[in-house]
């Protein structure tokens, strides 16, 4: 390759770089319909448990969430569910919800008996003082709920 051909190629690539997003349909940004809608806590909760009975999970769940984190931008949420992880009786999911964020469904983690135990660690943003609600779901359709009130400083998110 000759020097001039190389320089022309580099110059052409540099000039065409700003045009690439328009050529590929500007997929650098999410479409409006791909951004999740704001879902009030009650609706997010109902989507998970439906009309099923929810048992008090404070005795079967160990929550390690700071009550007064230094920042609402990254609040650690650690959950251990002390229920069996046997072939026919196990925790199938842990759901983390917040009560006052714009998007209240933080995460759902799915489990199988092969996991050995139902454990979850996640960082979440908290917009203000609110409850962090944890729902443990079993493969038999039972739900357990525990929550922790967190006094996050304003400005964590949203």
N, C-alpha and C. Protein backbone atom coordinates (compact mmCIF):
# COMPACT_ATOMS: atom_id res chain seq x y z
N UNK A 1 0.85 -1.17 0.00
CA UNK A 1 0.00 0.00 0.00
C UNK A 1 0.90 1.23 0.00
N UNK A 2 0.50 2.16 -0.77
CA UNK A 2 1.29 3.38 -0.85
C UNK A 2 0.82 4.39 0.17
N UNK A 3 1.71 5.26 0.51
CA UNK A 3 1.46 6.24 1.55
C UNK A 3 0.25 7.11 1.24
N UNK A 4 0.10 7.56 0.03
CA UNK A 4 -1.02 8.43 -0.34
C UNK A 4 -2.36 7.69 -0.24
N UNK A 5 -2.39 6.44 -0.64
CA UNK A 5 -3.63 5.66 -0.54
C UNK A 5 -4.03 5.49 0.93
N UNK A 6 -3.04 5.24 1.77
CA UNK A 6 -3.31 5.09 3.20
C UNK A 6 -3.88 6.39 3.78
N UNK A 7 -3.28 7.51 3.46
CA UNK A 7 -3.75 8.80 3.98
C UNK A 7 -5.15 9.11 3.48
N UNK A 8 -5.45 8.81 2.22
CA UNK A 8 -6.80 9.02 1.69
C UNK A 8 -7.82 8.15 2.43
N UNK A 9 -7.44 6.90 2.71
CA UNK A 9 -8.34 6.00 3.43
C UNK A 9 -8.64 6.48 4.84
N UNK A 10 -7.61 6.90 5.54
CA UNK A 10 -7.79 7.41 6.90
C UNK A 10 -8.63 8.68 6.88
N UNK A 11 -8.37 9.57 5.96
CA UNK A 11 -9.13 10.81 5.85
C UNK A 11 -10.59 10.52 5.52
N UNK A 12 -10.84 9.61 4.62
CA UNK A 12 -12.22 9.25 4.26
C UNK A 12 -12.97 8.64 5.43
N UNK A 13 -12.30 7.77 6.20
CA UNK A 13 -12.93 7.16 7.37
C UNK A 13 -13.23 8.20 8.43
N UNK A 14 -12.33 9.13 8.64
CA UNK A 14 -12.52 10.17 9.63
C UNK A 14 -13.69 11.07 9.27
N UNK A 15 -13.81 11.40 8.01
CA UNK A 15 -14.89 12.27 7.55
C UNK A 15 -16.24 11.56 7.64
N UNK A 16 -16.27 10.25 7.38
CA UNK A 16 -17.54 9.54 7.35
C UNK A 16 -18.02 9.08 8.73
N UNK A 17 -17.19 9.13 9.77
CA UNK A 17 -17.57 8.67 11.11
C UNK A 17 -18.84 9.36 11.64
N UNK A 18 -18.99 10.67 11.53
CA UNK A 18 -20.22 11.29 12.04
C UNK A 18 -21.48 10.84 11.30
N UNK A 19 -21.35 10.30 10.10
CA UNK A 19 -22.50 9.87 9.32
C UNK A 19 -22.98 8.47 9.70
N UNK A 20 -22.16 7.70 10.39
CA UNK A 20 -22.50 6.31 10.67
C UNK A 20 -23.81 6.16 11.45
N UNK A 21 -24.07 6.94 12.52
CA UNK A 21 -25.35 6.76 13.23
C UNK A 21 -26.57 6.95 12.32
N UNK A 22 -26.52 7.91 11.43
CA UNK A 22 -27.67 8.12 10.54
C UNK A 22 -27.78 6.99 9.52
N UNK A 23 -26.67 6.40 9.16
CA UNK A 23 -26.70 5.30 8.20
C UNK A 23 -27.25 4.02 8.81
N UNK A 24 -27.01 3.79 10.09
CA UNK A 24 -27.51 2.57 10.74
C UNK A 24 -28.81 2.81 11.50
N UNK A 25 -29.43 3.92 11.28
CA UNK A 25 -30.73 4.20 11.89
C UNK A 25 -30.63 4.76 13.29
N UNK A 26 -29.51 5.38 13.63
CA UNK A 26 -29.31 6.03 14.92
C UNK A 26 -29.62 5.09 16.08
N UNK A 27 -29.11 3.86 16.04
CA UNK A 27 -29.34 2.87 17.09
C UNK A 27 -28.44 3.08 18.31
N UNK A 28 -27.81 4.25 18.40
CA UNK A 28 -27.00 4.54 19.57
C UNK A 28 -27.88 4.91 20.76
N UNK A 29 -29.14 5.18 20.52
CA UNK A 29 -30.06 5.58 21.58
C UNK A 29 -31.26 4.63 21.56
N UNK A 30 -31.86 4.41 22.73
CA UNK A 30 -33.03 3.54 22.83
C UNK A 30 -34.24 4.22 22.21
N UNK A 31 -35.09 3.42 21.58
CA UNK A 31 -36.35 3.95 21.07
C UNK A 31 -37.26 4.28 22.24
N UNK A 32 -38.20 5.19 22.00
CA UNK A 32 -39.15 5.60 23.04
C UNK A 32 -39.87 4.40 23.63
N UNK A 33 -40.28 3.43 22.79
CA UNK A 33 -41.03 2.29 23.29
C UNK A 33 -40.15 1.30 24.03
N UNK A 34 -38.83 1.42 23.99
CA UNK A 34 -37.94 0.54 24.71
C UNK A 34 -37.65 1.04 26.12
N UNK A 35 -37.96 2.29 26.41
CA UNK A 35 -37.74 2.85 27.73
C UNK A 35 -38.92 2.45 28.61
N UNK A 36 -38.66 1.81 29.77
CA UNK A 36 -39.78 1.37 30.60
C UNK A 36 -40.60 2.54 31.11
N UNK A 37 -41.90 2.33 31.15
CA UNK A 37 -42.79 3.36 31.66
C UNK A 37 -42.72 3.40 33.18
N UNK A 38 -43.05 4.55 33.73
CA UNK A 38 -43.12 4.65 35.18
C UNK A 38 -44.25 3.76 35.66
N UNK A 39 -43.97 2.94 36.65
CA UNK A 39 -44.95 2.01 37.18
C UNK A 39 -45.06 2.23 38.68
N UNK A 40 -46.21 2.70 39.16
CA UNK A 40 -46.34 2.92 40.60
C UNK A 40 -46.04 1.63 41.37
N UNK A 41 -45.62 1.79 42.62
CA UNK A 41 -45.25 0.64 43.45
C UNK A 41 -46.37 -0.39 43.51
N UNK A 42 -47.59 0.06 43.71
CA UNK A 42 -48.72 -0.87 43.86
C UNK A 42 -48.88 -1.74 42.61
N UNK A 43 -48.71 -1.16 41.43
CA UNK A 43 -48.84 -1.94 40.20
C UNK A 43 -47.68 -2.91 40.02
N UNK A 44 -46.47 -2.46 40.34
CA UNK A 44 -45.30 -3.34 40.23
C UNK A 44 -45.45 -4.52 41.20
N UNK A 45 -45.93 -4.23 42.40
CA UNK A 45 -46.17 -5.27 43.41
C UNK A 45 -47.22 -6.26 42.93
N UNK A 46 -48.32 -5.72 42.38
CA UNK A 46 -49.41 -6.57 41.89
C UNK A 46 -48.97 -7.42 40.70
N UNK A 47 -48.09 -6.89 39.85
CA UNK A 47 -47.57 -7.67 38.72
C UNK A 47 -46.83 -8.91 39.19
N UNK A 48 -46.19 -8.81 40.34
CA UNK A 48 -45.41 -9.94 40.85
C UNK A 48 -46.29 -10.94 41.59
N UNK A 49 -47.07 -10.47 42.56
CA UNK A 49 -47.82 -11.39 43.42
C UNK A 49 -49.25 -11.64 42.97
N UNK A 50 -49.79 -10.77 42.13
CA UNK A 50 -51.17 -10.94 41.70
C UNK A 50 -52.10 -10.83 42.89
N UNK A 51 -53.03 -11.77 43.01
CA UNK A 51 -53.96 -11.79 44.13
C UNK A 51 -53.58 -12.85 45.16
N UNK A 52 -52.40 -13.43 45.05
CA UNK A 52 -51.96 -14.48 45.97
C UNK A 52 -51.66 -13.91 47.36
N UNK A 53 -51.74 -14.80 48.35
CA UNK A 53 -51.41 -14.42 49.72
C UNK A 53 -49.90 -14.21 49.84
N UNK A 54 -49.51 -13.18 50.56
CA UNK A 54 -48.09 -12.90 50.78
C UNK A 54 -47.81 -13.06 52.27
N UNK A 55 -46.87 -13.95 52.58
CA UNK A 55 -46.54 -14.23 53.98
C UNK A 55 -45.45 -13.28 54.47
N UNK A 56 -45.41 -13.10 55.79
CA UNK A 56 -44.36 -12.28 56.39
C UNK A 56 -43.03 -13.02 56.25
N UNK A 57 -42.08 -12.39 55.59
CA UNK A 57 -40.81 -13.04 55.34
C UNK A 57 -39.69 -12.59 56.24
N UNK A 58 -40.00 -11.81 57.27
CA UNK A 58 -38.94 -11.28 58.13
C UNK A 58 -38.18 -12.39 58.86
N UNK A 59 -38.80 -13.54 59.07
CA UNK A 59 -38.11 -14.63 59.76
C UNK A 59 -37.32 -15.53 58.80
N UNK A 60 -37.63 -15.48 57.51
CA UNK A 60 -36.93 -16.34 56.55
C UNK A 60 -35.98 -15.57 55.64
N UNK A 61 -35.97 -14.24 55.76
CA UNK A 61 -35.07 -13.43 54.93
C UNK A 61 -34.15 -12.61 55.81
N UNK A 62 -32.90 -12.59 55.43
CA UNK A 62 -31.93 -11.74 56.10
C UNK A 62 -31.59 -10.59 55.16
N UNK A 63 -31.94 -9.37 55.57
CA UNK A 63 -31.69 -8.19 54.75
C UNK A 63 -30.51 -7.42 55.32
N UNK A 64 -29.60 -7.07 54.46
CA UNK A 64 -28.47 -6.24 54.87
C UNK A 64 -28.48 -5.00 53.98
N UNK A 65 -29.23 -3.99 54.44
CA UNK A 65 -29.40 -2.74 53.70
C UNK A 65 -29.12 -1.61 54.69
N UNK A 66 -28.22 -0.69 54.38
CA UNK A 66 -27.96 0.39 55.33
C UNK A 66 -29.19 1.27 55.53
N UNK A 67 -29.48 1.62 56.78
CA UNK A 67 -30.64 2.46 57.07
C UNK A 67 -30.41 3.91 56.70
N UNK A 68 -29.16 4.36 56.75
CA UNK A 68 -28.82 5.73 56.39
C UNK A 68 -27.53 5.71 55.54
N UNK A 69 -27.67 5.39 54.24
CA UNK A 69 -26.48 5.39 53.39
C UNK A 69 -25.96 6.81 53.19
N UNK A 70 -24.68 6.91 52.89
CA UNK A 70 -24.08 8.23 52.68
C UNK A 70 -24.56 8.86 51.38
N UNK A 71 -25.01 8.04 50.44
CA UNK A 71 -25.49 8.55 49.16
C UNK A 71 -26.63 7.67 48.67
N UNK A 72 -27.59 8.27 48.02
CA UNK A 72 -28.68 7.50 47.43
C UNK A 72 -28.33 7.00 46.03
N UNK A 73 -27.14 7.36 45.53
CA UNK A 73 -26.75 6.98 44.17
C UNK A 73 -26.42 5.50 44.04
N UNK A 74 -25.93 4.88 45.11
CA UNK A 74 -25.60 3.45 45.06
C UNK A 74 -25.79 2.87 46.45
N UNK A 75 -26.99 2.37 46.70
CA UNK A 75 -27.31 1.79 48.00
C UNK A 75 -27.20 0.27 47.87
N UNK A 76 -26.32 -0.37 48.65
CA UNK A 76 -26.19 -1.82 48.56
C UNK A 76 -27.37 -2.54 49.19
N UNK A 77 -27.90 -3.51 48.47
CA UNK A 77 -29.01 -4.33 48.96
C UNK A 77 -28.53 -5.78 48.91
N UNK A 78 -28.45 -6.39 50.09
CA UNK A 78 -28.00 -7.78 50.18
C UNK A 78 -29.11 -8.60 50.83
N UNK A 79 -29.49 -9.69 50.19
CA UNK A 79 -30.60 -10.51 50.65
C UNK A 79 -30.17 -11.97 50.67
N UNK A 80 -30.45 -12.64 51.79
CA UNK A 80 -30.27 -14.09 51.88
C UNK A 80 -31.61 -14.67 52.33
N UNK A 81 -32.14 -15.59 51.55
CA UNK A 81 -33.41 -16.23 51.89
C UNK A 81 -33.10 -17.60 52.48
N UNK A 82 -33.55 -17.81 53.71
CA UNK A 82 -33.27 -19.06 54.44
C UNK A 82 -34.42 -20.04 54.26
N UNK A 83 -34.65 -20.43 53.04
CA UNK A 83 -35.64 -21.46 52.72
C UNK A 83 -34.90 -22.58 52.01
N UNK A 84 -35.46 -23.79 52.01
CA UNK A 84 -34.76 -24.90 51.36
C UNK A 84 -34.58 -24.68 49.86
N UNK A 85 -33.52 -25.28 49.36
CA UNK A 85 -33.26 -25.26 47.91
C UNK A 85 -33.19 -26.70 47.44
N UNK A 86 -34.31 -27.40 47.61
CA UNK A 86 -34.41 -28.81 47.24
C UNK A 86 -35.09 -28.94 45.89
N UNK A 87 -35.03 -30.12 45.33
CA UNK A 87 -35.55 -30.35 43.97
C UNK A 87 -37.01 -29.91 43.80
N UNK A 88 -37.86 -30.23 44.76
CA UNK A 88 -39.28 -29.91 44.63
C UNK A 88 -39.74 -28.76 45.53
N UNK A 89 -38.81 -28.12 46.21
CA UNK A 89 -39.16 -27.03 47.12
C UNK A 89 -37.97 -26.06 47.19
N UNK A 90 -38.08 -24.98 46.44
CA UNK A 90 -36.95 -24.04 46.40
C UNK A 90 -37.44 -22.62 46.10
N UNK A 91 -36.56 -21.66 46.35
CA UNK A 91 -36.83 -20.26 46.03
C UNK A 91 -36.56 -20.09 44.54
N UNK A 92 -37.57 -19.68 43.80
CA UNK A 92 -37.41 -19.54 42.34
C UNK A 92 -37.06 -18.12 41.92
N UNK A 93 -37.35 -17.12 42.78
CA UNK A 93 -37.03 -15.73 42.41
C UNK A 93 -36.97 -14.84 43.64
N UNK A 94 -36.12 -13.83 43.54
CA UNK A 94 -36.09 -12.74 44.52
C UNK A 94 -36.35 -11.46 43.74
N UNK A 95 -37.37 -10.70 44.17
CA UNK A 95 -37.73 -9.44 43.52
C UNK A 95 -37.38 -8.30 44.47
N UNK A 96 -36.77 -7.25 43.93
CA UNK A 96 -36.44 -6.06 44.73
C UNK A 96 -37.24 -4.90 44.18
N UNK A 97 -38.02 -4.26 45.06
CA UNK A 97 -38.86 -3.12 44.69
C UNK A 97 -38.54 -1.93 45.60
N UNK A 98 -38.79 -0.75 45.10
CA UNK A 98 -38.71 0.46 45.92
C UNK A 98 -40.07 1.13 45.88
N UNK A 99 -40.38 1.93 46.89
CA UNK A 99 -41.73 2.49 46.97
C UNK A 99 -41.87 3.89 46.37
N UNK A 100 -40.77 4.64 46.18
CA UNK A 100 -40.91 6.02 45.71
C UNK A 100 -40.02 6.40 44.54
N UNK A 101 -39.35 5.45 43.91
CA UNK A 101 -38.56 5.77 42.72
C UNK A 101 -39.48 5.90 41.51
N UNK A 102 -38.98 6.50 40.44
CA UNK A 102 -39.77 6.59 39.21
C UNK A 102 -40.03 5.20 38.65
N UNK A 103 -39.02 4.35 38.65
CA UNK A 103 -39.18 2.95 38.24
C UNK A 103 -38.96 2.12 39.50
N UNK A 104 -40.03 1.51 39.99
CA UNK A 104 -40.01 0.86 41.30
C UNK A 104 -39.53 -0.58 41.28
N UNK A 105 -39.57 -1.24 40.14
CA UNK A 105 -39.10 -2.62 40.06
C UNK A 105 -37.60 -2.57 39.76
N UNK A 106 -36.78 -2.80 40.78
CA UNK A 106 -35.33 -2.69 40.64
C UNK A 106 -34.78 -3.87 39.87
N UNK A 107 -35.04 -5.09 40.35
CA UNK A 107 -34.47 -6.28 39.72
C UNK A 107 -35.24 -7.52 40.15
N UNK A 108 -35.20 -8.54 39.29
CA UNK A 108 -35.67 -9.88 39.63
C UNK A 108 -34.55 -10.84 39.32
N UNK A 109 -34.19 -11.66 40.31
CA UNK A 109 -33.16 -12.69 40.12
C UNK A 109 -33.84 -14.05 40.22
N UNK A 110 -33.57 -14.92 39.24
CA UNK A 110 -34.18 -16.24 39.21
C UNK A 110 -33.20 -17.30 39.70
N UNK A 111 -33.74 -18.34 40.36
CA UNK A 111 -32.92 -19.37 40.97
C UNK A 111 -33.45 -20.76 40.65
N UNK A 112 -32.58 -21.74 40.78
CA UNK A 112 -32.93 -23.15 40.67
C UNK A 112 -32.28 -23.85 41.87
N UNK A 113 -32.63 -25.11 42.14
CA UNK A 113 -31.99 -25.82 43.26
C UNK A 113 -30.46 -25.91 43.09
N UNK A 114 -29.98 -25.84 41.87
CA UNK A 114 -28.55 -25.91 41.62
C UNK A 114 -27.79 -24.74 42.22
N UNK A 115 -28.47 -23.62 42.49
CA UNK A 115 -27.82 -22.47 43.10
C UNK A 115 -27.35 -22.76 44.52
N UNK A 116 -27.99 -23.71 45.19
CA UNK A 116 -27.59 -24.06 46.54
C UNK A 116 -28.21 -23.17 47.61
N UNK A 117 -28.28 -21.87 47.36
CA UNK A 117 -28.95 -20.95 48.28
C UNK A 117 -29.45 -19.74 47.49
N UNK A 118 -30.46 -19.09 48.03
CA UNK A 118 -31.02 -17.91 47.38
C UNK A 118 -30.36 -16.68 47.99
N UNK A 119 -29.42 -16.10 47.27
CA UNK A 119 -28.65 -14.95 47.74
C UNK A 119 -28.59 -13.93 46.62
N UNK A 120 -28.73 -12.65 46.98
CA UNK A 120 -28.68 -11.58 45.99
C UNK A 120 -27.96 -10.37 46.57
N UNK A 121 -27.07 -9.80 45.79
CA UNK A 121 -26.45 -8.52 46.14
C UNK A 121 -26.58 -7.62 44.93
N UNK A 122 -27.14 -6.43 45.14
CA UNK A 122 -27.32 -5.46 44.05
C UNK A 122 -27.21 -4.05 44.63
N UNK A 123 -26.69 -3.14 43.85
CA UNK A 123 -26.71 -1.73 44.21
C UNK A 123 -27.90 -1.08 43.51
N UNK A 124 -28.61 -0.24 44.22
CA UNK A 124 -29.75 0.45 43.62
C UNK A 124 -29.69 1.94 43.95
N UNK A 125 -30.31 2.73 43.11
CA UNK A 125 -30.43 4.16 43.38
C UNK A 125 -31.73 4.41 44.11
N UNK A 126 -31.68 5.29 45.07
CA UNK A 126 -32.88 5.68 45.80
C UNK A 126 -33.04 7.18 45.72
N UNK A 127 -34.23 7.61 45.30
CA UNK A 127 -34.49 9.03 45.09
C UNK A 127 -34.68 9.79 46.39
N UNK A 128 -35.21 9.13 47.39
CA UNK A 128 -35.54 9.80 48.64
C UNK A 128 -35.73 8.75 49.73
N UNK A 129 -36.19 9.17 50.91
CA UNK A 129 -36.49 8.24 51.99
C UNK A 129 -37.63 7.34 51.56
N UNK A 130 -37.43 6.03 51.68
CA UNK A 130 -38.46 5.09 51.22
C UNK A 130 -38.17 3.68 51.71
N UNK A 131 -39.12 2.80 51.46
CA UNK A 131 -38.95 1.39 51.80
C UNK A 131 -38.35 0.66 50.60
N UNK A 132 -37.45 -0.27 50.91
CA UNK A 132 -36.97 -1.23 49.92
C UNK A 132 -37.69 -2.53 50.26
N UNK A 133 -38.47 -3.05 49.32
CA UNK A 133 -39.31 -4.22 49.56
C UNK A 133 -38.72 -5.41 48.81
N UNK A 134 -38.54 -6.51 49.53
CA UNK A 134 -38.00 -7.73 48.96
C UNK A 134 -39.10 -8.79 48.97
N UNK A 135 -39.32 -9.42 47.83
CA UNK A 135 -40.30 -10.50 47.72
C UNK A 135 -39.57 -11.75 47.27
N UNK A 136 -39.68 -12.81 48.07
CA UNK A 136 -39.12 -14.11 47.69
C UNK A 136 -40.26 -14.98 47.19
N UNK A 137 -40.07 -15.55 46.02
CA UNK A 137 -41.09 -16.40 45.39
C UNK A 137 -40.57 -17.82 45.33
N UNK A 138 -41.42 -18.79 45.72
CA UNK A 138 -41.01 -20.19 45.65
C UNK A 138 -41.59 -20.85 44.41
N UNK A 139 -41.05 -22.01 44.08
CA UNK A 139 -41.56 -22.74 42.91
C UNK A 139 -42.98 -23.25 43.15
N UNK A 140 -43.43 -23.28 44.41
CA UNK A 140 -44.79 -23.73 44.74
C UNK A 140 -45.79 -22.59 44.72
N UNK A 141 -45.37 -21.40 44.32
CA UNK A 141 -46.28 -20.27 44.23
C UNK A 141 -46.49 -19.52 45.52
N UNK A 142 -45.62 -19.72 46.51
CA UNK A 142 -45.72 -18.97 47.76
C UNK A 142 -44.87 -17.71 47.66
N UNK A 143 -45.31 -16.66 48.35
CA UNK A 143 -44.60 -15.39 48.36
C UNK A 143 -44.30 -14.98 49.80
N UNK A 144 -43.10 -14.49 50.02
CA UNK A 144 -42.68 -13.97 51.32
C UNK A 144 -42.18 -12.55 51.10
N UNK A 145 -42.56 -11.65 52.03
CA UNK A 145 -42.20 -10.24 51.88
C UNK A 145 -41.49 -9.73 53.12
N UNK A 146 -40.42 -8.97 52.88
CA UNK A 146 -39.72 -8.27 53.96
C UNK A 146 -39.34 -6.90 53.42
N UNK A 147 -39.19 -5.92 54.31
CA UNK A 147 -38.84 -4.59 53.84
C UNK A 147 -37.93 -3.89 54.84
N UNK A 148 -37.26 -2.87 54.35
CA UNK A 148 -36.34 -2.06 55.17
C UNK A 148 -36.56 -0.61 54.79
N UNK A 149 -36.79 0.24 55.78
CA UNK A 149 -36.92 1.68 55.53
C UNK A 149 -35.51 2.26 55.43
N UNK A 150 -35.26 3.02 54.36
CA UNK A 150 -33.94 3.59 54.11
C UNK A 150 -34.08 5.10 54.01
N UNK A 151 -33.25 5.81 54.76
CA UNK A 151 -33.25 7.27 54.76
C UNK A 151 -32.14 7.75 53.83
N UNK A 152 -32.35 7.58 52.54
CA UNK A 152 -31.36 7.99 51.55
C UNK A 152 -31.40 9.51 51.37
N UNK A 153 -30.23 10.15 51.25
CA UNK A 153 -30.23 11.58 50.99
C UNK A 153 -30.90 11.90 49.65
N UNK A 154 -31.50 13.06 49.54
CA UNK A 154 -32.14 13.46 48.29
C UNK A 154 -31.12 13.51 47.16
N UNK A 155 -31.60 13.24 45.96
CA UNK A 155 -30.75 13.38 44.78
C UNK A 155 -30.09 12.11 44.34
N UNK A 156 -30.50 10.96 44.87
CA UNK A 156 -29.92 9.71 44.42
C UNK A 156 -30.25 9.41 42.98
N UNK A 157 -31.50 9.62 42.60
CA UNK A 157 -31.91 9.43 41.20
C UNK A 157 -33.20 10.19 40.97
N UNK A 158 -33.52 10.33 39.70
CA UNK A 158 -34.76 10.86 39.22
C UNK A 158 -35.24 12.11 39.75
